[in-house]
N, C-alpha and C. Protein backbone atom coordinates (compact mmCIF):
# COMPACT_ATOMS: atom_id res chain seq x y z
N MET A 1 109.45 -167.62 -156.98
CA MET A 1 109.54 -167.41 -155.49
C MET A 1 110.56 -168.56 -154.92
N MET A 2 111.41 -168.30 -153.67
CA MET A 2 112.14 -169.08 -153.29
C MET A 2 112.23 -169.28 -151.69
N GLN A 3 112.15 -170.27 -151.35
CA GLN A 3 112.18 -170.46 -149.64
C GLN A 3 113.59 -171.30 -149.26
N VAL A 4 114.09 -170.77 -148.21
CA VAL A 4 115.24 -171.22 -147.70
C VAL A 4 115.05 -172.02 -146.37
N LEU A 5 115.34 -173.28 -146.27
CA LEU A 5 114.75 -173.82 -144.97
C LEU A 5 116.06 -174.91 -144.55
N ASP A 6 116.25 -175.08 -142.95
CA ASP A 6 117.05 -175.88 -142.40
C ASP A 6 116.57 -177.39 -143.41
N ALA A 7 117.85 -177.85 -143.67
CA ALA A 7 117.40 -179.61 -144.39
C ALA A 7 117.21 -180.53 -143.14
N ILE A 8 117.45 -180.29 -141.87
CA ILE A 8 116.85 -181.26 -140.93
C ILE A 8 115.58 -180.95 -140.40
N GLY A 9 115.44 -179.79 -139.74
CA GLY A 9 114.32 -179.27 -138.92
C GLY A 9 113.21 -178.60 -139.98
N LYS A 10 113.75 -178.32 -141.05
CA LYS A 10 112.69 -177.74 -142.06
C LYS A 10 112.38 -176.61 -141.79
N GLY A 11 112.85 -175.89 -140.69
CA GLY A 11 112.47 -174.38 -140.33
C GLY A 11 112.93 -173.27 -141.10
N PRO A 12 112.37 -172.19 -141.29
CA PRO A 12 112.71 -171.17 -142.45
C PRO A 12 114.36 -170.54 -141.79
N ILE A 13 114.93 -170.25 -142.74
CA ILE A 13 116.31 -169.49 -142.40
C ILE A 13 116.11 -168.00 -143.00
N TYR A 14 116.48 -167.22 -141.88
CA TYR A 14 116.05 -165.71 -141.88
C TYR A 14 117.02 -165.00 -142.03
N ALA A 15 117.40 -164.06 -143.21
CA ALA A 15 118.44 -163.53 -143.59
C ALA A 15 119.36 -164.02 -144.05
N ALA A 16 119.28 -165.29 -144.78
CA ALA A 16 120.42 -165.81 -145.74
C ALA A 16 120.54 -164.78 -146.81
N ASN A 17 121.63 -164.86 -147.56
CA ASN A 17 122.03 -164.01 -148.55
C ASN A 17 122.01 -164.69 -149.87
N VAL A 18 121.02 -164.27 -150.80
CA VAL A 18 120.68 -164.75 -151.91
C VAL A 18 121.22 -163.91 -153.01
N SER A 19 121.74 -164.70 -154.12
CA SER A 19 122.38 -163.70 -155.13
C SER A 19 121.93 -164.64 -156.36
N ILE A 20 121.51 -163.93 -157.39
CA ILE A 20 120.91 -164.75 -158.71
C ILE A 20 121.67 -163.85 -159.78
N TYR A 21 122.27 -164.90 -160.66
CA TYR A 21 123.18 -164.55 -161.96
C TYR A 21 122.58 -165.10 -162.95
N ASN A 22 122.64 -164.10 -164.25
CA ASN A 22 121.88 -164.51 -165.31
C ASN A 22 123.09 -165.71 -166.17
N ALA A 23 122.59 -166.25 -167.14
CA ALA A 23 123.58 -167.43 -168.03
C ALA A 23 125.01 -166.69 -168.18
N GLY A 24 125.10 -165.48 -168.29
CA GLY A 24 126.40 -164.80 -168.59
C GLY A 24 127.43 -164.38 -167.63
N GLY A 25 126.54 -165.02 -166.14
CA GLY A 25 127.39 -164.65 -164.89
C GLY A 25 127.13 -163.23 -164.26
N GLN A 26 126.46 -162.38 -164.74
CA GLN A 26 126.06 -161.13 -164.22
C GLN A 26 125.07 -161.15 -163.05
N LEU A 27 125.55 -160.59 -162.05
CA LEU A 27 124.69 -160.69 -160.89
C LEU A 27 123.39 -159.56 -161.27
N ILE A 28 122.36 -160.18 -161.20
CA ILE A 28 121.17 -159.45 -161.50
C ILE A 28 120.07 -159.17 -160.39
N LYS A 29 120.08 -159.69 -158.92
CA LYS A 29 119.25 -159.64 -157.94
C LYS A 29 120.06 -160.48 -156.87
N GLU A 30 120.10 -159.40 -155.85
CA GLU A 30 120.42 -159.96 -154.77
C GLU A 30 119.72 -159.29 -153.43
N GLY A 31 119.63 -160.18 -152.33
CA GLY A 31 119.00 -159.54 -150.94
C GLY A 31 119.02 -160.56 -150.03
N LEU A 32 118.12 -160.29 -148.75
CA LEU A 32 117.91 -161.44 -147.68
C LEU A 32 116.70 -162.05 -147.65
N THR A 33 116.64 -163.26 -147.31
CA THR A 33 115.42 -163.97 -147.20
C THR A 33 114.68 -163.11 -146.04
N GLY A 34 113.54 -163.42 -145.66
CA GLY A 34 112.22 -162.98 -144.93
C GLY A 34 112.23 -163.77 -143.77
N LYS A 35 111.54 -163.46 -142.84
CA LYS A 35 111.20 -164.27 -141.50
C LYS A 35 110.90 -165.60 -141.95
N ASP A 36 110.26 -165.86 -142.82
CA ASP A 36 109.72 -166.94 -143.31
C ASP A 36 110.46 -167.63 -144.31
N GLY A 37 111.95 -167.21 -144.75
CA GLY A 37 112.80 -167.78 -145.47
C GLY A 37 112.67 -167.66 -146.78
N SER A 38 111.59 -166.74 -147.09
CA SER A 38 111.22 -166.44 -148.49
C SER A 38 111.95 -165.48 -149.24
N PHE A 39 112.10 -165.46 -150.55
CA PHE A 39 112.90 -164.67 -151.38
C PHE A 39 112.08 -164.77 -152.79
N MET A 40 111.94 -163.43 -153.26
CA MET A 40 111.24 -163.03 -154.22
C MET A 40 111.85 -162.52 -155.35
N ALA A 41 111.67 -162.89 -156.72
CA ALA A 41 112.46 -162.11 -158.04
C ALA A 41 111.71 -162.21 -158.98
N SER A 42 111.52 -161.31 -159.65
CA SER A 42 110.88 -161.35 -160.92
C SER A 42 111.87 -161.39 -162.00
N LEU A 43 111.91 -162.79 -162.86
CA LEU A 43 113.12 -163.12 -163.78
C LEU A 43 112.05 -163.20 -164.85
N THR A 44 112.67 -163.09 -166.28
CA THR A 44 112.41 -163.48 -167.62
C THR A 44 112.54 -164.90 -167.89
N ASP A 45 112.01 -165.37 -169.14
CA ASP A 45 112.68 -166.81 -169.43
C ASP A 45 114.04 -166.70 -169.35
N GLY A 46 114.75 -167.95 -168.76
CA GLY A 46 116.05 -168.13 -168.89
C GLY A 46 116.49 -169.22 -168.24
N ILE A 47 118.13 -169.51 -167.98
CA ILE A 47 118.91 -169.96 -167.12
C ILE A 47 119.31 -169.11 -166.32
N TYR A 48 119.27 -169.42 -164.78
CA TYR A 48 119.98 -168.57 -163.71
C TYR A 48 120.62 -169.31 -162.98
N VAL A 49 121.66 -168.84 -162.38
CA VAL A 49 122.03 -169.36 -161.17
C VAL A 49 121.72 -168.83 -159.76
N VAL A 50 121.86 -169.73 -158.76
CA VAL A 50 121.26 -169.28 -157.82
C VAL A 50 122.00 -169.50 -156.87
N GLU A 51 122.57 -168.86 -155.95
CA GLU A 51 123.66 -168.89 -154.53
C GLU A 51 123.06 -168.51 -153.55
N VAL A 52 123.09 -169.19 -152.20
CA VAL A 52 122.44 -168.93 -151.08
C VAL A 52 123.42 -169.18 -149.98
N ALA A 53 123.83 -168.49 -149.13
CA ALA A 53 124.89 -168.56 -148.10
C ALA A 53 124.34 -167.69 -146.41
N THR A 54 124.71 -168.40 -145.62
CA THR A 54 124.34 -167.86 -144.40
C THR A 54 125.34 -168.70 -143.63
N LYS A 55 125.65 -167.76 -142.50
CA LYS A 55 126.45 -168.50 -141.10
C LYS A 55 126.19 -169.51 -140.78
N GLY A 56 126.93 -170.55 -140.52
CA GLY A 56 126.84 -171.89 -139.98
C GLY A 56 126.11 -172.98 -140.90
N TYR A 57 126.11 -172.65 -142.19
CA TYR A 57 125.59 -173.52 -143.06
C TYR A 57 126.45 -173.74 -144.35
N THR A 58 126.21 -174.90 -145.09
CA THR A 58 127.27 -174.98 -146.39
C THR A 58 126.56 -174.25 -147.33
N ALA A 59 127.32 -173.46 -148.15
CA ALA A 59 126.72 -172.52 -149.52
C ALA A 59 125.95 -173.37 -150.20
N TYR A 60 124.96 -173.09 -151.01
CA TYR A 60 124.11 -173.61 -151.79
C TYR A 60 124.31 -172.87 -153.34
N LYS A 61 124.48 -173.62 -154.17
CA LYS A 61 124.66 -173.14 -155.64
C LYS A 61 124.02 -174.29 -156.68
N ASP A 62 122.93 -173.62 -157.15
CA ASP A 62 122.61 -174.41 -158.31
C ASP A 62 121.71 -173.60 -159.63
N LYS A 63 121.38 -174.22 -160.71
CA LYS A 63 120.97 -173.73 -161.86
C LYS A 63 119.49 -173.70 -161.76
N VAL A 64 118.82 -172.64 -162.14
CA VAL A 64 117.27 -172.82 -162.16
C VAL A 64 116.82 -172.35 -163.73
N VAL A 65 115.81 -173.09 -164.29
CA VAL A 65 115.48 -172.56 -165.50
C VAL A 65 114.07 -171.95 -165.08
N VAL A 66 113.79 -170.86 -165.67
CA VAL A 66 112.52 -170.02 -165.30
C VAL A 66 111.76 -170.00 -166.94
N ALA A 67 110.64 -170.41 -166.92
CA ALA A 67 109.79 -170.41 -168.24
C ALA A 67 108.48 -169.71 -167.68
N SER A 68 108.27 -168.69 -168.37
CA SER A 68 106.69 -167.89 -168.33
C SER A 68 105.87 -168.75 -168.45
N SER A 69 105.69 -170.11 -168.80
CA SER A 69 104.44 -170.76 -168.93
C SER A 69 103.91 -171.36 -167.38
N ALA A 70 104.88 -171.13 -166.72
CA ALA A 70 104.57 -171.89 -165.18
C ALA A 70 105.36 -170.87 -164.31
N ASP A 71 104.66 -170.87 -163.03
CA ASP A 71 105.60 -170.15 -161.77
C ASP A 71 106.57 -171.03 -161.57
N THR A 72 107.77 -170.54 -160.93
CA THR A 72 108.80 -171.46 -160.74
C THR A 72 108.95 -171.05 -159.33
N PHE A 73 109.01 -172.29 -158.38
CA PHE A 73 108.96 -172.38 -156.81
C PHE A 73 110.58 -173.03 -156.75
N LEU A 74 111.37 -172.47 -155.88
CA LEU A 74 112.49 -173.25 -155.43
C LEU A 74 112.43 -173.29 -154.08
N GLU A 75 112.71 -174.56 -153.45
CA GLU A 75 112.69 -174.88 -152.02
C GLU A 75 114.66 -175.12 -151.91
N VAL A 76 115.01 -174.43 -151.21
CA VAL A 76 116.53 -174.70 -150.98
C VAL A 76 116.39 -175.08 -149.47
N LEU A 77 117.17 -176.33 -149.45
CA LEU A 77 117.59 -177.01 -148.35
C LEU A 77 118.87 -176.98 -147.84
N MET A 78 119.04 -176.10 -146.55
CA MET A 78 120.56 -175.78 -146.33
C MET A 78 120.88 -176.79 -145.26
N VAL A 79 122.29 -177.04 -145.39
CA VAL A 79 123.11 -178.34 -144.58
C VAL A 79 124.04 -177.42 -143.60
N GLN A 80 123.82 -177.56 -142.16
CA GLN A 80 124.35 -177.13 -141.43
C GLN A 80 125.88 -177.90 -141.61
N GLU A 81 126.82 -176.63 -141.16
CA GLU A 81 128.39 -176.94 -141.44
C GLU A 81 128.48 -178.08 -140.51
N GLY A 82 129.23 -179.11 -140.64
CA GLY A 82 129.87 -180.18 -139.83
C GLY A 82 128.97 -181.22 -140.03
N ARG A 83 128.01 -181.25 -140.70
CA ARG A 83 126.72 -182.62 -140.63
C ARG A 83 127.28 -183.22 -141.99
């Protein structure tokens, strides 16, 4: 699970575009965050690239390692453009 938040106020960001790519660069999951800023994806073990974009904020991109031995939670803090 991931949650997308404003970096300053820590409020959830609704309807942010989330894209998840496998290690080979293939898009495997995309969608929008919910009202609470959450996004769920069932992923197998591996390394993924997560991209998040929404109007008024600098785009986010990072690698995430998923292991079946533990739940993976990602908190994405989005920075407003111009800050």
